[in-house]
Amino acid sequence: MPTKKALIRRPGPRLAEGLVTHIEREPVDAELALEQWEAYGEALRAHGWETVEVDPADDCPDAVFVEDTVVMYKNVALIARSGAESRRDEVAGVEEAVAHLGCSVNWIWEPGTLDGGDVLKIGDTIYVGRGGRTNAAGVQQVRAAFEPLGARVVAVPVSKVLHLKSAVTALPDGTVIGHIPKVDRPSLFPSFLAVPEESGAHVVLLGGAKLLIAASAPKSAELLADLGHDPVVVDISEFEKLEGCVTCLSVRLRDLYA
């Protein structure tokens, strides 16, 4: 039977040293961050997801943002190569985890760079943000890996935020949601819904009408509820100080079979 698995990775002792690019640095409460991470994992499990904890990478401050290390399409795991050189050591444990789950493993090779947070999948369409962390060669390698499997890869400019999924994610019906001041070209998406808060642009599809969304986006959660969705709210304030969002903290694998 199909099973839903989510890779997660415990925040390390150097979390507060994580990179920031588009926001001012703020102090991070490591103890609170760990509590929030545990609550995030519990929210996934409570809605039918089996969490798989990737081996820690304590020397890598940003390793908790495990989504950036790999892109999944069908049963293929494409191991990323971050545009931030300091993040490249994060992939080792992730590669081992996806291989253990039976995934076919491929890699982004130099000169290509790719962060998983730059990849938004809607059905068989894969949007890839072309910006600070992902370059043209990286986009080409995503095409080479996934188009033979039936995907359509669309490059999207990203200049106002760290990653494409810092600007937009998608609802279950494929509607893309985003906070207009942070989206370079909303017209690239066939269906687009503006939300009132930047963090309201980030949702994880838990199944059915349920959407994981940050506590920092109450107006967006209310809007989505009015549209018939069921927001599941988690507080990730300490990760937001490092440009993290609800998508960054896990890699969702929907197409694996137990």
Protein backbone atom coordinates (compact mmCIF):
# COMPACT_ATOMS: atom_id res chain seq x y z
CA MET A 1 0.00 0.00 0.00
CA PRO A 2 1.12 3.60 -0.55
CA THR A 3 2.66 5.20 2.50
CA LYS A 4 3.48 8.80 3.33
CA LYS A 5 6.94 9.36 4.74
CA ALA A 6 8.64 12.61 5.72
CA LEU A 7 12.34 13.08 6.25
CA ILE A 8 13.19 15.40 9.15
CA ARG A 9 16.48 16.34 10.79
CA ARG A 10 17.02 17.48 14.35
CA PRO A 11 18.38 21.04 14.77
CA GLY A 12 22.05 21.04 15.69
CA PRO A 13 24.01 23.00 18.31
CA ARG A 14 25.12 25.62 15.75
CA LEU A 15 21.59 26.47 14.56
CA ALA A 16 21.90 30.14 15.52
CA GLU A 17 24.82 30.48 13.07
CA GLY A 18 22.59 29.62 10.10
CA LEU A 19 22.78 31.75 6.97
CA VAL A 20 20.52 34.77 6.46
CA THR A 21 20.37 36.62 3.15
CA HIS A 22 17.19 38.68 2.77
CA ILE A 23 16.43 39.52 6.41
CA GLU A 24 18.23 40.99 9.42
CA ARG A 25 19.80 38.49 11.82
CA GLU A 26 18.00 37.97 15.13
CA PRO A 27 19.00 35.91 18.17
CA VAL A 28 17.72 32.32 17.99
CA ASP A 29 16.50 30.49 21.09
CA ALA A 30 17.94 26.99 20.55
CA GLU A 31 15.86 25.39 23.30
CA LEU A 32 12.64 26.83 21.93
CA ALA A 33 13.67 25.83 18.41
CA LEU A 34 14.02 22.20 19.50
CA GLU A 35 10.57 22.30 21.13
CA GLN A 36 9.10 23.76 17.93
CA TRP A 37 10.83 21.14 15.80
CA GLU A 38 9.43 18.35 17.97
CA ALA A 39 5.93 19.83 17.70
CA TYR A 40 6.33 20.09 13.93
CA GLY A 41 7.20 16.39 13.71
CA GLU A 42 4.27 15.52 15.95
CA ALA A 43 1.92 17.49 13.66
CA LEU A 44 3.10 15.43 10.68
CA ARG A 45 2.63 12.16 12.55
CA ALA A 46 -0.80 13.17 13.81
CA HIS A 47 -1.93 13.53 10.20
CA GLY A 48 -0.74 10.21 8.88
CA TRP A 49 2.90 10.84 8.06
CA GLU A 50 5.64 8.51 9.18
CA THR A 51 8.66 10.64 10.08
CA VAL A 52 12.13 9.36 9.23
CA GLU A 53 14.87 11.14 11.15
CA VAL A 54 17.99 11.75 9.08
CA ASP A 55 21.32 11.44 10.89
CA PRO A 56 22.30 14.75 12.52
CA ALA A 57 24.83 17.04 10.86
CA ASP A 58 25.92 19.02 13.89
CA ASP A 59 28.70 20.88 12.07
CA CYS A 60 26.17 22.29 9.58
CA PRO A 61 24.10 25.12 11.12
CA ASP A 62 21.36 24.96 8.45
CA ALA A 63 21.02 21.16 8.35
CA VAL A 64 17.58 21.24 9.99
CA PHE A 65 16.28 22.69 6.70
CA VAL A 66 16.42 19.24 5.19
CA GLU A 67 14.21 20.07 2.21
CA ASP A 68 17.11 21.89 0.56
CA THR A 69 19.21 18.73 0.28
CA VAL A 70 17.10 16.61 -2.08
CA VAL A 71 14.28 16.79 -4.61
CA MET A 72 11.91 13.84 -4.97
CA TYR A 73 9.93 12.98 -8.10
CA LYS A 74 8.20 9.63 -8.25
CA ASN A 75 10.78 7.20 -6.86
CA VAL A 76 13.85 9.22 -7.85
CA ALA A 77 15.83 11.28 -5.34
CA LEU A 78 17.92 14.06 -6.88
CA ILE A 79 20.61 15.02 -4.37
CA ALA A 80 21.10 18.78 -4.38
CA ARG A 81 24.29 20.82 -4.58
CA SER A 82 23.66 24.08 -2.77
CA GLY A 83 24.67 27.43 -4.18
CA ALA A 84 25.86 28.12 -0.63
CA GLU A 85 29.10 26.16 -0.43
CA SER A 86 28.90 25.97 3.37
CA ARG A 87 25.75 23.83 3.06
CA ARG A 88 27.08 21.12 0.76
CA ASP A 89 28.11 18.73 3.53
CA GLU A 90 24.46 18.42 4.58
CA VAL A 91 23.62 15.92 1.84
CA ALA A 92 25.53 12.86 3.08
CA GLY A 93 23.00 11.67 5.65
CA VAL A 94 20.08 12.45 3.36
CA GLU A 95 21.54 10.40 0.52
CA GLU A 96 21.84 7.45 2.88
CA ALA A 97 18.26 7.89 4.12
CA VAL A 98 16.61 7.99 0.68
CA ALA A 99 18.68 5.04 -0.55
CA HIS A 100 17.58 3.06 2.52
CA LEU A 101 13.95 3.82 1.59
CA GLY A 102 14.51 2.24 -1.82
CA CYS A 103 14.75 5.39 -3.90
CA SER A 104 16.81 5.60 -7.04
CA VAL A 105 19.49 8.23 -6.37
CA ASN A 106 20.84 10.85 -8.79
CA TRP A 107 22.97 13.93 -8.15
CA ILE A 108 23.43 17.55 -9.22
CA TRP A 109 26.97 17.89 -10.52
CA GLU A 110 29.34 20.84 -10.79
CA PRO A 111 28.87 23.47 -12.21
CA GLY A 112 25.20 23.00 -11.38
CA THR A 113 23.77 24.29 -8.10
CA LEU A 114 20.34 23.54 -6.67
CA ASP A 115 18.57 23.97 -3.35
CA GLY A 116 15.48 21.84 -2.83
CA GLY A 117 13.63 24.90 -1.54
CA ASP A 118 13.73 26.22 -5.09
CA VAL A 119 11.56 23.37 -6.38
CA LEU A 120 7.75 23.43 -6.35
CA LYS A 121 5.98 20.36 -7.73
CA ILE A 122 2.36 20.56 -8.88
CA GLY A 123 1.35 17.24 -10.37
CA ASP A 124 3.85 16.55 -13.14
CA THR A 125 4.88 20.21 -13.47
CA ILE A 126 8.08 21.09 -11.63
CA TYR A 127 8.78 24.78 -11.12
CA VAL A 128 12.44 25.54 -10.40
CA GLY A 129 13.45 28.91 -8.97
CA ARG A 130 16.41 30.44 -10.76
CA GLY A 131 18.00 32.74 -8.19
CA GLY A 132 20.64 33.01 -5.52
CA ARG A 133 21.05 29.30 -4.72
CA THR A 134 20.05 27.58 -7.98
CA ASN A 135 21.76 28.32 -11.30
CA ALA A 136 20.93 27.62 -14.94
CA ALA A 137 23.04 24.46 -15.00
CA GLY A 138 21.11 23.19 -11.99
CA VAL A 139 17.79 23.79 -13.77
CA GLN A 140 19.09 21.91 -16.82
CA GLN A 141 20.08 18.96 -14.65
CA VAL A 142 16.61 18.85 -13.06
CA ARG A 143 15.22 18.63 -16.60
CA ALA A 144 17.63 15.84 -17.49
CA ALA A 145 16.70 13.87 -14.36
CA PHE A 146 12.92 14.23 -14.38
CA GLU A 147 11.64 14.99 -17.88
CA PRO A 148 12.30 11.39 -19.03
CA LEU A 149 9.98 10.33 -16.18
CA GLY A 150 7.13 12.49 -17.49
CA ALA A 151 7.75 15.81 -15.75
CA ARG A 152 7.56 19.26 -17.30
CA VAL A 153 10.20 21.59 -15.84
CA VAL A 154 9.55 25.35 -15.79
CA ALA A 155 12.21 27.86 -14.70
CA VAL A 156 10.95 30.74 -12.53
CA PRO A 157 12.92 33.87 -11.60
CA VAL A 158 13.57 34.41 -7.87
CA SER A 159 15.09 37.68 -6.68
CA LYS A 160 13.07 38.92 -3.69
CA VAL A 161 13.40 35.93 -1.34
CA LEU A 162 15.84 33.12 -0.58
CA HIS A 163 14.05 30.31 -2.44
CA LEU A 164 11.09 29.87 -4.78
CA LYS A 165 9.17 28.22 -1.94
CA SER A 166 9.96 31.21 0.26
CA ALA A 167 7.63 33.04 -2.14
CA VAL A 168 5.04 30.48 -3.25
CA THR A 169 3.61 27.03 -2.53
CA ALA A 170 0.48 25.33 -3.85
CA LEU A 171 -2.92 24.23 -2.59
CA PRO A 172 -4.29 20.71 -3.19
CA ASP A 173 -6.07 21.82 -6.39
CA GLY A 174 -2.83 23.22 -7.83
CA THR A 175 -3.57 26.87 -7.12
CA VAL A 176 -0.31 28.65 -6.33
CA ILE A 177 -0.40 30.94 -3.28
CA GLY A 178 1.98 33.79 -2.60
CA HIS A 179 2.45 37.18 -0.99
CA ILE A 180 2.54 39.54 -3.98
CA PRO A 181 5.48 41.75 -2.85
CA LYS A 182 7.71 38.65 -2.70
CA VAL A 183 6.72 37.02 -6.01
CA ASP A 184 8.67 37.98 -9.13
CA ARG A 185 6.13 36.90 -11.76
CA PRO A 186 2.75 35.61 -10.52
CA SER A 187 1.60 35.41 -14.15
CA LEU A 188 3.85 32.38 -14.72
CA PHE A 189 1.39 30.25 -12.74
CA PRO A 190 -1.91 29.22 -14.39
CA SER A 191 -3.84 29.81 -11.15
CA PHE A 192 -2.61 32.22 -8.46
CA LEU A 193 -4.10 33.35 -5.13
CA ALA A 194 -2.61 36.26 -3.19
CA VAL A 195 -2.35 35.84 0.58
CA PRO A 196 -1.99 38.72 3.07
CA GLU A 197 1.19 37.61 4.89
CA GLU A 198 4.58 36.51 3.65
CA SER A 199 4.57 33.37 5.82
CA GLY A 200 1.02 32.66 4.63
CA ALA A 201 2.52 31.67 1.28
CA HIS A 202 3.98 28.52 2.84
CA VAL A 203 1.81 25.45 3.31
CA VAL A 204 2.50 21.72 3.51
CA LEU A 205 -0.24 19.49 2.11
CA LEU A 206 -1.02 17.01 4.86
CA GLY A 207 -3.77 15.19 2.99
CA GLY A 208 -7.38 15.99 2.19
CA ALA A 209 -8.18 19.59 3.08
CA LYS A 210 -5.55 19.83 5.82
CA LEU A 211 -2.73 22.34 5.36
CA LEU A 212 0.23 22.85 7.71
CA ILE A 213 0.78 26.60 8.11
CA ALA A 214 2.85 28.81 10.42
CA ALA A 215 1.34 30.56 13.43
CA SER A 216 2.77 33.83 12.09
CA ALA A 217 0.13 33.86 9.30
CA PRO A 218 -3.27 34.05 11.07
CA LYS A 219 -4.95 36.14 8.35
CA SER A 220 -3.82 33.75 5.64
CA ALA A 221 -4.99 30.78 7.68
CA GLU A 222 -8.39 32.45 8.05
CA LEU A 223 -8.56 33.10 4.30
CA LEU A 224 -7.72 29.50 3.49
CA ALA A 225 -10.27 28.24 6.02
CA ASP A 226 -12.92 30.44 4.39
CA LEU A 227 -12.07 28.75 1.09
CA GLY A 228 -12.78 25.31 2.57
CA HIS A 229 -9.30 24.27 3.66
CA ASP A 230 -8.42 23.07 7.16
CA PRO A 231 -5.31 24.86 8.48
CA VAL A 232 -3.13 23.03 10.99
CA VAL A 233 -1.09 25.69 12.79
CA VAL A 234 2.47 25.24 14.06
CA ASP A 235 4.76 27.81 15.66
CA ILE A 236 8.16 27.91 13.90
CA SER A 237 9.24 31.39 14.98
CA GLU A 238 12.87 30.43 15.66
CA PHE A 239 13.28 28.92 12.20
CA GLU A 240 11.63 31.93 10.55
CA LYS A 241 14.50 34.01 11.99
CA LEU A 242 16.74 31.96 9.65
CA GLU A 243 14.45 32.32 6.60
CA GLY A 244 12.91 28.93 7.28
CA CYS A 245 9.28 28.01 6.70
CA VAL A 246 7.01 24.99 7.16
CA THR A 247 8.13 23.36 3.91
CA CYS A 248 11.88 23.65 4.71
CA LEU A 249 11.76 21.39 7.75
CA SER A 250 10.82 18.16 5.97
CA VAL A 251 11.00 16.28 2.70
CA ARG A 252 7.65 14.69 1.91
CA LEU A 253 7.71 11.40 0.02
CA ARG A 254 4.23 10.53 -1.19
CA ASP A 255 4.89 7.95 -3.91
CA LEU A 256 6.82 5.28 -2.03
CA TYR A 257 5.32 1.87 -1.41
CA ALA A 258 5.73 -0.06 1.80
